[in-house]
């Protein structure tokens, strides 16, 4: 008589262990998905800031000694950039650019880049880069 009850207990125990394992795996996959989404957002904000740096390089190349601009790229986000010529080093510039995602249902994702430029004739060279 006891053998019939043991089979039910073993099957129920197996189902409990399987359920706990599946729940843990589902929890881990949710964490992985949130981490991937966060990384993707950081990468997008970085490239938005890079777009700002490119705008500053364009401004310096066209002869502007200082300036600022901002813009929105499609549905991704916006960038802001400010550049100015160094007082003590002629033809040397500093840039501060920020890229931020818009419309995402998560914490604020933002990247900042600081760069140095040097202009020689019509050419503009990046002399420093700090992210």
Protein backbone atom coordinates (compact mmCIF):
# COMPACT_ATOMS: atom_id res chain seq x y z
CA UNK A 1 0.00 0.00 0.00
CA UNK A 2 2.78 2.50 0.82
CA UNK A 3 4.33 2.27 -2.66
CA UNK A 4 1.37 3.97 -4.35
CA UNK A 5 1.68 7.05 -2.09
CA UNK A 6 5.44 7.35 -2.70
CA UNK A 7 5.00 7.76 -6.47
CA UNK A 8 2.67 10.72 -5.95
CA UNK A 9 5.08 12.33 -3.48
CA UNK A 10 8.04 11.90 -5.85
CA UNK A 11 6.12 13.38 -8.79
CA UNK A 12 4.93 16.36 -6.71
CA UNK A 13 8.47 16.95 -5.42
CA UNK A 14 9.81 16.88 -8.97
CA UNK A 15 7.17 19.39 -10.07
CA UNK A 16 8.05 21.74 -7.19
CA UNK A 17 11.78 21.61 -8.00
CA UNK A 18 11.06 22.14 -11.72
CA UNK A 19 8.77 25.10 -10.97
CA UNK A 20 11.35 26.76 -8.73
CA UNK A 21 14.06 26.28 -11.37
CA UNK A 22 11.87 27.71 -14.14
CA UNK A 23 10.94 30.71 -11.97
CA UNK A 24 14.60 31.45 -11.29
CA UNK A 25 15.47 31.19 -14.98
CA UNK A 26 12.63 33.54 -15.93
CA UNK A 27 13.81 36.04 -13.32
CA UNK A 28 17.36 35.93 -14.66
CA UNK A 29 16.21 36.45 -18.23
CA UNK A 30 14.25 39.55 -17.14
CA UNK A 31 17.37 40.97 -15.49
CA UNK A 32 19.41 40.27 -18.62
CA UNK A 33 16.82 42.00 -20.80
CA UNK A 34 16.82 45.12 -18.59
CA UNK A 35 20.63 45.22 -18.66
CA UNK A 36 20.66 44.93 -22.47
CA UNK A 37 18.09 47.71 -22.80
CA UNK A 38 20.11 49.95 -20.47
CA UNK A 39 23.32 49.31 -22.43
CA UNK A 40 21.51 50.04 -25.69
CA UNK A 41 20.25 53.34 -24.24
CA UNK A 42 23.74 54.31 -23.08
CA UNK A 43 25.16 53.56 -26.51
CA UNK A 44 22.46 55.61 -28.24
CA UNK A 45 23.05 58.59 -25.92
CA UNK A 46 26.79 58.33 -26.58
CA UNK A 47 26.25 58.58 -30.33
CA UNK A 48 23.90 61.51 -29.81
CA UNK A 49 26.73 63.28 -27.96
CA UNK A 50 29.06 62.33 -30.84
CA UNK A 51 26.63 64.05 -33.22
CA UNK A 52 27.05 67.19 -31.11
CA UNK A 53 30.84 66.93 -31.36
CA UNK A 54 30.55 66.65 -35.14
CA UNK A 55 28.42 69.81 -35.20
CA UNK A 56 31.08 71.63 -33.18
CA UNK A 57 33.84 70.43 -35.51
CA UNK A 58 31.79 71.71 -38.42
CA UNK A 59 31.37 75.08 -36.68
CA UNK A 60 35.09 75.38 -35.96
CA UNK A 61 35.96 74.38 -39.52
CA UNK A 62 33.66 77.10 -40.85
CA UNK A 63 35.47 79.73 -38.79
CA UNK A 64 33.30 80.13 -35.70
CA UNK A 65 35.45 80.81 -32.63
CA UNK A 66 32.63 79.85 -30.27
CA UNK A 67 29.09 78.68 -30.45
CA UNK A 68 26.43 76.33 -29.28
CA UNK A 69 23.72 74.27 -30.87
CA UNK A 70 21.24 71.58 -30.04
CA UNK A 71 19.15 69.25 -32.07
CA UNK A 72 16.91 66.23 -32.10
CA UNK A 73 17.70 63.14 -34.12
CA UNK A 74 14.58 61.27 -35.24
CA UNK A 75 12.76 59.67 -32.33
CA UNK A 76 15.96 58.77 -30.49
CA UNK A 77 16.85 61.83 -28.49
CA UNK A 78 18.61 65.15 -28.45
CA UNK A 79 22.11 66.56 -28.25
CA UNK A 80 23.51 69.81 -26.97
CA UNK A 81 26.99 71.14 -27.63
CA UNK A 82 29.01 74.21 -26.68
CA UNK A 83 32.44 75.10 -28.04
CA UNK A 84 34.81 77.99 -27.51
CA UNK A 85 38.31 79.02 -28.41
CA UNK A 86 40.88 78.81 -25.64
CA UNK A 87 41.99 82.24 -24.38
CA UNK A 88 45.65 81.29 -23.94
CA UNK A 89 45.99 79.02 -26.99
CA UNK A 90 44.89 80.50 -30.31
CA UNK A 91 43.31 78.03 -32.75
CA UNK A 92 42.62 75.62 -29.85
CA UNK A 93 39.06 74.88 -28.81
CA UNK A 94 37.19 73.04 -26.07
CA UNK A 95 33.94 71.21 -26.66
CA UNK A 96 31.30 69.98 -24.21
CA UNK A 97 28.63 67.78 -25.79
CA UNK A 98 25.73 65.92 -24.18
CA UNK A 99 23.39 63.36 -25.67
CA UNK A 100 20.16 62.31 -23.95
CA UNK A 101 17.46 59.86 -24.91
CA UNK A 102 13.88 61.04 -25.02
CA UNK A 103 10.65 59.15 -24.69
CA UNK A 104 12.03 56.09 -22.92
CA UNK A 105 10.25 54.62 -19.92
CA UNK A 106 13.36 54.26 -17.82
CA UNK A 107 15.75 56.35 -15.80
CA UNK A 108 17.46 59.26 -17.52
CA UNK A 109 20.13 58.03 -19.93
CA UNK A 110 22.73 60.63 -20.81
CA UNK A 111 26.30 60.70 -22.11
CA UNK A 112 28.79 63.53 -21.94
CA UNK A 113 31.91 64.07 -24.05
CA UNK A 114 34.60 66.69 -23.57
CA UNK A 115 37.08 67.17 -26.38
CA UNK A 116 39.84 69.47 -27.46
CA UNK A 117 40.38 70.66 -31.02
CA UNK A 118 43.16 72.39 -32.89
CA UNK A 119 42.63 74.17 -36.17
CA UNK A 120 45.42 74.40 -38.72
CA UNK A 121 44.37 76.14 -41.90
CA UNK A 122 41.20 74.45 -43.10
CA UNK A 123 41.86 71.25 -41.14
CA UNK A 124 40.50 70.54 -37.64
CA UNK A 125 42.23 67.95 -35.43
CA UNK A 126 40.94 66.34 -32.24
CA UNK A 127 43.65 66.75 -29.61
CA UNK A 128 41.91 65.29 -26.55
CA UNK A 129 38.87 63.15 -25.80
CA UNK A 130 37.18 62.49 -22.47
CA UNK A 131 33.93 60.58 -22.04
